[in-house]
Amino acid sequence: MTWPSARTAVAGVIGDPVEHSLSPVLHNAAFAALGLDWAYVAFPVPAGRGQEAVAATADLGIRGLSVTMPHKAPAARACQRLSPVAERLGVANTVTNIDGVLVGDSTDGPGFIDSLAEQGWSPTGKRCLVLGAGGAARAVVLALAEAGAARVDVVARRPEQALAAAALAGPVGGLGAAEGAEEADLIVNATPVGMTSDGLPFGLDAKRLGPGQLVADLIYAPAVTPLTAAARERGALPLNGVGMLIHQAARQFRAWTGQDAPVEAMSAAVLAELGRRAGRVARFSQPR
């Protein structure tokens, strides 16, 4: 029998743009590792069409969707049921088709907590500083609070944005400042600063970093950002966004298939792909 066939279960990712997504690499590696008759593809869906695209998955028999920007809020509106986390955040990055009923969830925050656990680190009783107040930051704030953090402070350009994100943490949430970084056990960069530019988010002084801290950057390409480089130099433990990327996908895989994800296979596949892309960029950037 040829593969894929009419019996092959289909999952995919929607976004705009979506060509750069690593989700097909992650999920197809997982399906292959467990010998599942599944296939995962990328669906480019223009901004403004996300809700309709998600709703159509029930009729098309698509078993699961990963959802990236700008469709996470529309995806939540298209679902008949939401997990408590997706309901609180008002977004869904994961849609599971259960006999025609679309169930939305947000695995970003729990995936981040899983990536910390992989390092042997727990937020319980810890002081956390989150830099940024966008969608990823909000997911992390909620997850840290639910994991038992003693304090979750948020830094944003506008205080009202920071306070709105911090409110997700309930009584342990509050307005933070980059100047207070030395008091934090965990610092999380949930901004794009460092992806294509030098410098640290919100003018953070690298001298405020030091031993005993975990400094996490949700950026995974480049693998080393100015923030994680500064953290290592100052004796803090640096962590990039690869672990969160893998573990949020692993939770999606479990929701769709009912099986534990082969995290090692997923990790090997995504690291190989990131290395390939980095090598391609390096070749293209060589002087001619």
Protein backbone atom coordinates (compact mmCIF):
# COMPACT_ATOMS: atom_id res chain seq x y z
CA MET A 1 0.00 0.00 0.00
CA THR A 2 1.32 3.42 -0.88
CA TRP A 3 1.69 6.09 1.77
CA PRO A 4 -0.09 8.33 2.41
CA SER A 5 -3.36 6.60 1.58
CA ALA A 6 -7.06 7.36 1.98
CA ARG A 7 -6.78 5.90 5.48
CA THR A 8 -3.94 8.17 6.57
CA ALA A 9 -4.87 10.49 9.44
CA VAL A 10 -4.07 14.11 8.62
CA ALA A 11 -2.96 16.89 10.96
CA GLY A 12 -1.42 20.22 10.15
CA VAL A 13 -0.53 23.76 11.05
CA ILE A 14 -2.23 26.98 9.92
CA GLY A 15 -0.65 30.40 9.93
CA ASP A 16 0.19 33.46 7.89
CA PRO A 17 3.01 33.03 7.02
CA VAL A 18 3.54 29.34 7.72
CA GLU A 19 6.27 28.24 5.29
CA HIS A 20 8.95 28.63 7.99
CA SER A 21 7.12 26.44 10.53
CA LEU A 22 9.07 23.63 12.19
CA SER A 23 5.87 21.84 13.20
CA PRO A 24 5.88 19.48 10.17
CA VAL A 25 9.42 18.42 11.06
CA LEU A 26 8.47 17.75 14.69
CA HIS A 27 5.23 15.89 14.12
CA ASN A 28 6.23 13.84 11.10
CA ALA A 29 9.32 12.69 13.00
CA ALA A 30 7.07 11.64 15.87
CA PHE A 31 4.66 9.75 13.59
CA ALA A 32 7.56 7.98 11.89
CA ALA A 33 9.19 7.04 15.21
CA LEU A 34 6.02 5.31 16.41
CA GLY A 35 5.07 3.89 13.02
CA LEU A 36 1.75 5.74 12.92
CA ASP A 37 -0.22 6.15 9.69
CA TRP A 38 -0.39 9.93 10.07
CA ALA A 39 0.82 12.84 7.96
CA TYR A 40 1.32 16.46 8.97
CA VAL A 41 1.30 19.37 6.51
CA ALA A 42 1.35 23.16 6.54
CA PHE A 43 -1.77 25.05 5.46
CA PRO A 44 -1.21 28.72 4.59
CA VAL A 45 -4.35 30.55 5.73
CA PRO A 46 -4.60 34.31 5.14
CA ALA A 47 -5.19 36.65 8.07
CA GLY A 48 -8.90 37.03 8.70
CA ARG A 49 -9.76 33.48 7.56
CA GLY A 50 -8.59 31.52 10.59
CA GLN A 51 -11.95 30.90 12.21
CA GLU A 52 -13.45 29.54 8.99
CA ALA A 53 -10.40 27.37 8.35
CA VAL A 54 -10.52 25.81 11.80
CA ALA A 55 -14.27 25.22 11.60
CA ALA A 56 -13.79 23.38 8.29
CA THR A 57 -11.48 20.79 9.86
CA ALA A 58 -14.46 18.95 11.35
CA ASP A 59 -16.05 18.37 7.94
CA LEU A 60 -12.72 17.56 6.29
CA GLY A 61 -11.86 14.97 8.92
CA ILE A 62 -8.57 16.63 9.83
CA ARG A 63 -7.63 15.11 13.17
CA GLY A 64 -5.65 17.96 14.66
CA LEU A 65 -4.32 21.43 14.02
CA SER A 66 -1.45 23.46 15.36
CA VAL A 67 -2.31 27.14 15.17
CA THR A 68 0.16 29.96 14.88
CA MET A 69 -0.12 33.69 14.34
CA PRO A 70 -2.42 35.39 13.57
CA HIS A 71 -5.07 32.71 14.07
CA LYS A 72 -4.90 31.70 17.75
CA ALA A 73 -7.84 33.84 18.91
CA PRO A 74 -10.03 32.98 15.90
CA ALA A 75 -9.21 29.30 16.45
CA ALA A 76 -10.54 29.50 20.00
CA ARG A 77 -13.78 31.03 18.71
CA ALA A 78 -14.20 28.20 16.21
CA CYS A 79 -14.02 25.46 18.85
CA GLN A 80 -17.03 23.93 20.56
CA ARG A 81 -15.02 23.26 23.71
CA LEU A 82 -11.98 24.90 25.28
CA SER A 83 -9.57 23.72 27.92
CA PRO A 84 -9.47 25.88 31.07
CA VAL A 85 -6.13 27.33 29.95
CA ALA A 86 -7.38 28.21 26.45
CA GLU A 87 -10.51 29.73 27.94
CA ARG A 88 -8.54 31.97 30.30
CA LEU A 89 -6.13 33.07 27.58
CA GLY A 90 -8.80 33.42 24.90
CA VAL A 91 -6.59 31.65 22.36
CA ALA A 92 -5.91 28.13 21.11
CA ASN A 93 -2.68 26.91 19.54
CA THR A 94 -4.03 23.35 19.43
CA VAL A 95 -7.28 22.00 18.00
CA THR A 96 -8.29 18.37 18.40
CA ASN A 97 -11.11 16.91 16.35
CA ILE A 98 -12.95 14.41 18.57
CA ASP A 99 -15.70 12.80 16.49
CA GLY A 100 -16.53 16.14 14.86
CA VAL A 101 -16.29 18.19 18.07
CA LEU A 102 -13.42 20.69 17.98
CA VAL A 103 -11.59 21.06 21.28
CA GLY A 104 -9.19 23.97 21.70
CA ASP A 105 -6.20 24.08 24.02
CA SER A 106 -3.08 26.16 24.58
CA THR A 107 0.05 24.06 25.04
CA ASP A 108 2.60 26.89 24.94
CA GLY A 109 2.69 27.61 28.67
CA PRO A 110 2.64 23.96 29.80
CA GLY A 111 5.27 23.21 27.15
CA PHE A 112 7.47 25.90 28.69
CA ILE A 113 7.07 24.36 32.14
CA ASP A 114 7.97 20.96 30.65
CA SER A 115 11.14 22.50 29.18
CA LEU A 116 12.10 23.78 32.63
CA ALA A 117 11.48 20.35 34.16
CA GLU A 118 13.79 18.86 31.53
CA GLN A 119 16.52 21.03 33.08
CA GLY A 120 15.61 19.81 36.56
CA TRP A 121 14.11 23.19 37.42
CA SER A 122 10.72 23.89 39.00
CA PRO A 123 8.99 27.30 39.31
CA THR A 124 7.42 26.32 42.64
CA GLY A 125 8.19 28.99 45.20
CA LYS A 126 10.37 30.93 42.75
CA ARG A 127 10.40 34.61 41.81
CA CYS A 128 9.88 35.05 38.08
CA LEU A 129 10.30 38.04 35.78
CA VAL A 130 8.64 37.87 32.34
CA LEU A 131 9.83 40.34 29.70
CA GLY A 132 6.96 41.06 27.31
CA ALA A 133 3.18 40.98 27.47
CA GLY A 134 2.16 39.43 24.14
CA GLY A 135 0.59 36.05 23.52
CA ALA A 136 3.63 33.95 24.41
CA ALA A 137 4.27 36.01 27.53
CA ARG A 138 0.67 35.63 28.68
CA ALA A 139 0.82 31.87 28.25
CA VAL A 140 4.04 31.72 30.27
CA VAL A 141 2.69 33.98 33.03
CA LEU A 142 -0.37 31.78 33.52
CA ALA A 143 1.67 28.57 33.43
CA LEU A 144 4.20 29.85 35.97
CA ALA A 145 1.43 30.85 38.37
CA GLU A 146 -0.30 27.49 37.97
CA ALA A 147 3.04 25.76 38.61
CA GLY A 148 3.29 27.45 42.00
CA ALA A 149 5.57 30.43 41.40
CA ALA A 150 5.82 32.73 44.42
CA ARG A 151 5.90 35.85 42.23
CA VAL A 152 5.37 36.56 38.54
CA ASP A 153 6.22 40.12 37.53
CA VAL A 154 5.75 41.36 33.97
CA VAL A 155 7.65 44.03 32.07
CA ALA A 156 6.09 45.74 29.05
CA ARG A 157 6.40 49.05 27.26
CA ARG A 158 2.96 50.08 28.47
CA PRO A 159 2.09 49.49 32.14
CA GLU A 160 -1.50 48.62 31.29
CA GLN A 161 -0.29 45.76 29.06
CA ALA A 162 1.98 44.47 31.79
CA LEU A 163 -0.78 44.61 34.39
CA ALA A 164 -3.24 42.82 32.10
CA ALA A 165 -0.75 39.99 31.55
CA ALA A 166 0.20 39.86 35.23
CA ALA A 167 -3.48 39.58 36.18
CA LEU A 168 -3.42 36.06 34.71
CA ALA A 169 -1.16 35.10 37.62
CA GLY A 170 -3.73 36.23 40.17
CA PRO A 171 -2.42 37.43 43.53
CA VAL A 172 1.20 36.52 42.73
CA GLY A 173 1.27 38.67 39.56
CA GLY A 174 2.46 42.24 39.38
CA LEU A 175 4.17 45.01 37.46
CA GLY A 176 7.90 44.44 37.08
CA ALA A 177 10.95 46.34 35.86
CA ALA A 178 14.15 45.24 34.15
CA GLU A 179 16.05 46.96 36.96
CA GLY A 180 14.78 44.30 39.35
CA ALA A 181 16.21 41.38 37.39
CA GLU A 182 18.79 40.48 40.02
CA GLU A 183 15.97 39.60 42.44
CA ALA A 184 14.44 37.03 40.09
CA ASP A 185 15.17 33.30 40.13
CA LEU A 186 13.83 32.99 36.58
CA ILE A 187 13.95 35.58 33.80
CA VAL A 188 11.98 34.88 30.62
CA ASN A 189 12.33 36.86 27.41
CA ALA A 190 9.04 36.63 25.53
CA THR A 191 9.85 39.43 23.07
CA PRO A 192 11.50 39.18 19.63
CA VAL A 193 14.49 41.23 20.83
CA GLY A 194 17.57 39.16 20.07
CA MET A 195 16.13 37.40 17.06
CA THR A 196 17.61 39.81 14.54
CA SER A 197 19.10 42.54 16.71
CA ASP A 198 21.78 43.00 19.33
CA GLY A 199 21.10 44.25 22.81
CA LEU A 200 18.92 43.01 25.63
CA PRO A 201 15.15 43.49 25.99
CA PHE A 202 13.98 46.60 27.80
CA GLY A 203 17.59 47.74 28.25
CA LEU A 204 18.29 44.99 30.78
CA ASP A 205 21.74 45.42 32.32
CA ALA A 206 23.67 42.16 31.96
CA LYS A 207 25.35 42.88 35.31
CA ARG A 208 22.02 42.08 36.97
CA LEU A 209 22.35 38.46 35.86
CA GLY A 210 24.29 35.94 37.88
CA PRO A 211 24.73 32.48 39.38
CA GLY A 212 21.62 30.78 40.68
CA GLN A 213 19.38 32.29 38.01
CA LEU A 214 17.80 30.54 35.05
CA VAL A 215 17.55 32.88 32.05
CA ALA A 216 15.17 31.59 29.38
CA ASP A 217 14.73 33.10 25.93
CA LEU A 218 11.72 31.85 23.98
CA ILE A 219 13.63 32.53 20.75
CA TYR A 220 15.06 29.33 19.24
CA ALA A 221 16.71 30.73 16.11
CA PRO A 222 19.40 31.86 16.57
CA ALA A 223 20.23 29.21 19.16
CA VAL A 224 22.30 31.74 21.13
CA THR A 225 20.81 35.19 21.62
CA PRO A 226 22.43 38.23 23.23
CA LEU A 227 20.45 37.46 26.40
CA THR A 228 21.48 33.80 26.70
CA ALA A 229 25.07 34.71 25.84
CA ALA A 230 25.07 37.35 28.60
CA ALA A 231 23.54 34.88 31.03
CA ARG A 232 26.24 32.28 30.39
CA GLU A 233 28.96 34.92 30.70
CA ARG A 234 27.58 36.04 34.08
CA GLY A 235 27.30 32.49 35.44
CA ALA A 236 23.52 32.08 35.07
CA LEU A 237 21.96 29.01 33.42
CA PRO A 238 20.83 29.92 29.87
CA LEU A 239 17.94 28.22 28.08
CA ASN A 240 16.69 28.91 24.56
CA GLY A 241 13.24 28.26 23.12
CA VAL A 242 13.90 24.87 21.50
CA GLY A 243 12.70 22.95 24.54
CA MET A 244 9.42 24.86 24.70
CA LEU A 245 8.92 24.33 20.96
CA ILE A 246 9.39 20.58 21.32
CA HIS A 247 7.32 20.13 24.46
CA GLN A 248 4.34 22.17 23.32
CA ALA A 249 4.29 19.99 20.20
CA ALA A 250 4.61 16.85 22.34
CA ARG A 251 1.45 17.85 24.22
CA GLN A 252 -0.34 18.36 20.89
CA PHE A 253 0.78 14.93 19.72
CA ARG A 254 -0.60 13.33 22.89
CA ALA A 255 -3.94 15.12 22.50
CA TRP A 256 -4.34 13.94 18.90
CA THR A 257 -3.05 10.38 19.08
CA GLY A 258 -3.55 9.39 22.71
CA GLN A 259 0.08 8.25 22.83
CA ASP A 260 3.08 9.71 24.61
CA ALA A 261 5.23 11.66 22.21
CA PRO A 262 8.70 10.34 21.27
CA VAL A 263 10.42 13.49 22.52
CA GLU A 264 13.94 12.29 21.72
CA ALA A 265 13.05 11.67 18.07
CA MET A 266 11.31 15.04 17.84
CA SER A 267 14.28 16.78 19.41
CA ALA A 268 16.78 15.13 17.07
CA ALA A 269 14.72 16.05 14.03
CA VAL A 270 14.21 19.69 14.94
CA LEU A 271 17.83 20.22 15.97
CA ALA A 272 18.98 18.74 12.66
CA GLU A 273 16.63 21.03 10.76
CA LEU A 274 17.71 24.10 12.74
CA GLY A 275 21.32 23.20 12.04
CA ARG A 276 20.57 22.83 8.35
CA ARG A 277 18.85 26.21 8.24
CA ALA A 278 21.64 27.89 10.19
CA GLY A 279 24.18 26.42 7.80
CA ARG A 280 22.22 27.68 4.83
CA VAL A 281 22.06 31.18 6.31
CA ALA A 282 25.79 31.08 7.03
CA ARG A 283 26.58 30.06 3.45
CA PHE A 284 24.34 32.77 2.05
CA SER A 285 26.00 35.38 4.28
CA GLN A 286 29.55 34.59 3.19
CA PRO A 287 31.21 37.38 1.19
CA ARG A 288 31.36 36.75 -2.53
